[in-house]
């Protein structure tokens, strides 16, 4: 997935937070990508950013994403890919494939420099309201 696509998805979701949208495959795919970005930012930039409690569920509700299906699928896909303990019953093959592609893309971004990655993707997480910058 291209950087522009991830950022465009984040911007679209930011705009959509003000106006609830119908649940569509695209909305769920965008939600999955944002979940992956949130994981990457928390792992690489955790000293600078923290999650806003309940923000991911609230955002999913506002844009029409299926939080109860996709949030556990994303989390367990990440765990499976990272070789951590995971719940196989929560995996959805298409979600796992997207998570793997998103993680690979973000790893390339991280390899360009942690500071650049954290500034760019931390800002995305702040803009969509998933995280806040720690002062």
Protein backbone atom coordinates (compact mmCIF):
# COMPACT_ATOMS: atom_id res chain seq x y z
CA UNK A 1 0.00 0.00 0.00
CA UNK A 2 1.40 3.37 -0.92
CA UNK A 3 2.05 6.12 1.62
CA UNK A 4 -0.33 8.38 -0.23
CA UNK A 5 -3.10 5.81 0.04
CA UNK A 6 -2.57 5.41 3.79
CA UNK A 7 -2.52 9.15 4.36
CA UNK A 8 -5.49 9.69 2.06
CA UNK A 9 -7.40 7.04 3.99
CA UNK A 10 -6.52 8.74 7.26
CA UNK A 11 -7.65 12.12 5.93
CA UNK A 12 -10.87 10.61 4.59
CA UNK A 13 -11.58 8.98 7.93
CA UNK A 14 -10.82 12.22 9.75
CA UNK A 15 -13.38 13.98 7.60
CA UNK A 16 -15.83 11.12 7.98
CA UNK A 17 -15.73 11.34 11.77
CA UNK A 18 -17.95 14.40 11.56
CA UNK A 19 -20.54 12.64 9.39
CA UNK A 20 -21.38 8.97 9.95
CA UNK A 21 -20.98 6.85 6.82
CA UNK A 22 -22.48 3.55 5.77
CA UNK A 23 -20.42 0.48 6.53
CA UNK A 24 -18.61 -0.47 3.34
CA UNK A 25 -15.73 -2.70 2.50
CA UNK A 26 -13.57 0.40 1.91
CA UNK A 27 -14.46 1.82 5.33
CA UNK A 28 -13.49 -1.45 7.00
CA UNK A 29 -10.24 -1.65 4.99
CA UNK A 30 -9.39 1.91 6.00
CA UNK A 31 -10.17 1.06 9.62
CA UNK A 32 -7.85 -1.97 9.39
CA UNK A 33 -5.02 0.20 8.02
CA UNK A 34 -5.49 2.73 10.79
CA UNK A 35 -5.36 -0.08 13.35
CA UNK A 36 -2.05 -1.24 11.90
CA UNK A 37 -0.68 2.30 11.91
CA UNK A 38 -1.79 2.69 15.54
CA UNK A 39 0.06 -0.49 16.47
CA UNK A 40 3.23 0.63 14.67
CA UNK A 41 3.15 4.08 16.26
CA UNK A 42 2.59 2.58 19.72
CA UNK A 43 5.57 0.25 19.24
CA UNK A 44 8.01 2.70 17.65
CA UNK A 45 6.89 6.01 19.13
CA UNK A 46 5.30 4.95 22.43
CA UNK A 47 7.27 7.46 24.46
CA UNK A 48 5.76 10.31 22.43
CA UNK A 49 2.16 9.14 21.88
CA UNK A 50 -0.55 7.44 23.91
CA UNK A 51 -3.94 5.99 23.01
CA UNK A 52 -7.10 7.93 23.74
CA UNK A 53 -9.37 5.55 25.68
CA UNK A 54 -12.27 4.28 23.58
CA UNK A 55 -11.23 6.30 20.54
CA UNK A 56 -10.97 3.40 18.10
CA UNK A 57 -14.43 2.07 18.94
CA UNK A 58 -15.93 5.57 18.79
CA UNK A 59 -14.29 6.26 15.43
CA UNK A 60 -15.51 2.92 14.06
CA UNK A 61 -19.04 3.71 15.21
CA UNK A 62 -18.93 7.17 13.65
CA UNK A 63 -17.70 6.02 10.24
CA UNK A 64 -19.66 2.77 10.11
CA UNK A 65 -16.75 0.33 10.42
CA UNK A 66 -17.43 -3.05 12.03
CA UNK A 67 -15.29 -2.68 15.16
CA UNK A 68 -16.40 -5.93 16.81
CA UNK A 69 -15.29 -7.96 13.79
CA UNK A 70 -12.25 -6.08 12.54
CA UNK A 71 -10.52 -4.81 15.70
CA UNK A 72 -9.98 -8.35 17.09
CA UNK A 73 -9.03 -9.61 13.60
CA UNK A 74 -6.39 -6.89 13.22
CA UNK A 75 -4.97 -7.41 16.69
CA UNK A 76 -4.77 -11.19 16.29
CA UNK A 77 -3.32 -10.90 12.78
CA UNK A 78 -0.57 -8.65 14.15
CA UNK A 79 0.08 -11.14 16.96
CA UNK A 80 0.19 -14.08 14.51
CA UNK A 81 2.57 -12.23 12.16
CA UNK A 82 4.81 -11.15 15.05
CA UNK A 83 4.82 -14.74 16.38
CA UNK A 84 3.01 -13.88 19.61
CA UNK A 85 0.19 -15.87 21.15
CA UNK A 86 -3.08 -15.20 19.27
CA UNK A 87 -6.68 -16.39 19.02
CA UNK A 88 -7.02 -18.27 15.72
CA UNK A 89 -10.81 -18.01 15.84
CA UNK A 90 -10.55 -14.21 15.45
CA UNK A 91 -8.44 -14.32 12.28
CA UNK A 92 -9.94 -13.38 8.92
CA UNK A 93 -7.62 -14.35 6.02
CA UNK A 94 -8.23 -11.16 4.01
CA UNK A 95 -7.57 -9.04 7.11
CA UNK A 96 -4.36 -10.94 7.86
CA UNK A 97 -3.18 -10.39 4.28
CA UNK A 98 -3.91 -6.67 4.48
CA UNK A 99 -2.25 -6.38 7.90
CA UNK A 100 0.87 -8.12 6.55
CA UNK A 101 1.02 -5.77 3.55
CA UNK A 102 0.48 -2.70 5.75
CA UNK A 103 3.15 -3.84 8.23
CA UNK A 104 5.63 -4.45 5.41
CA UNK A 105 4.97 -0.99 4.03
CA UNK A 106 5.30 0.63 7.46
CA UNK A 107 8.54 -1.28 8.10
CA UNK A 108 9.96 0.34 4.96
CA UNK A 109 8.85 3.71 6.34
CA UNK A 110 10.44 2.96 9.72
CA UNK A 111 13.69 2.02 7.99
CA UNK A 112 13.83 5.55 6.57
CA UNK A 113 14.12 6.84 10.12
CA UNK A 114 12.18 6.48 13.37
CA UNK A 115 11.90 10.22 13.90
CA UNK A 116 10.45 10.82 10.42
CA UNK A 117 8.10 7.85 10.87
CA UNK A 118 6.90 9.03 14.29
CA UNK A 119 6.34 12.60 13.14
CA UNK A 120 4.38 11.55 10.05
CA UNK A 121 2.32 8.66 11.39
CA UNK A 122 1.98 10.01 14.91
CA UNK A 123 0.35 13.07 13.36
CA UNK A 124 -2.05 10.80 11.45
CA UNK A 125 -3.07 9.07 14.69
CA UNK A 126 -3.57 12.42 16.43
CA UNK A 127 -5.61 13.75 13.49
CA UNK A 128 -7.99 10.79 13.53
CA UNK A 129 -8.22 11.00 17.31
CA UNK A 130 -6.81 7.54 18.10
CA UNK A 131 -3.82 8.90 19.98
CA UNK A 132 -2.55 12.08 21.60
CA UNK A 133 0.95 13.46 21.82
CA UNK A 134 2.53 13.19 25.24
CA UNK A 135 3.95 16.49 26.40
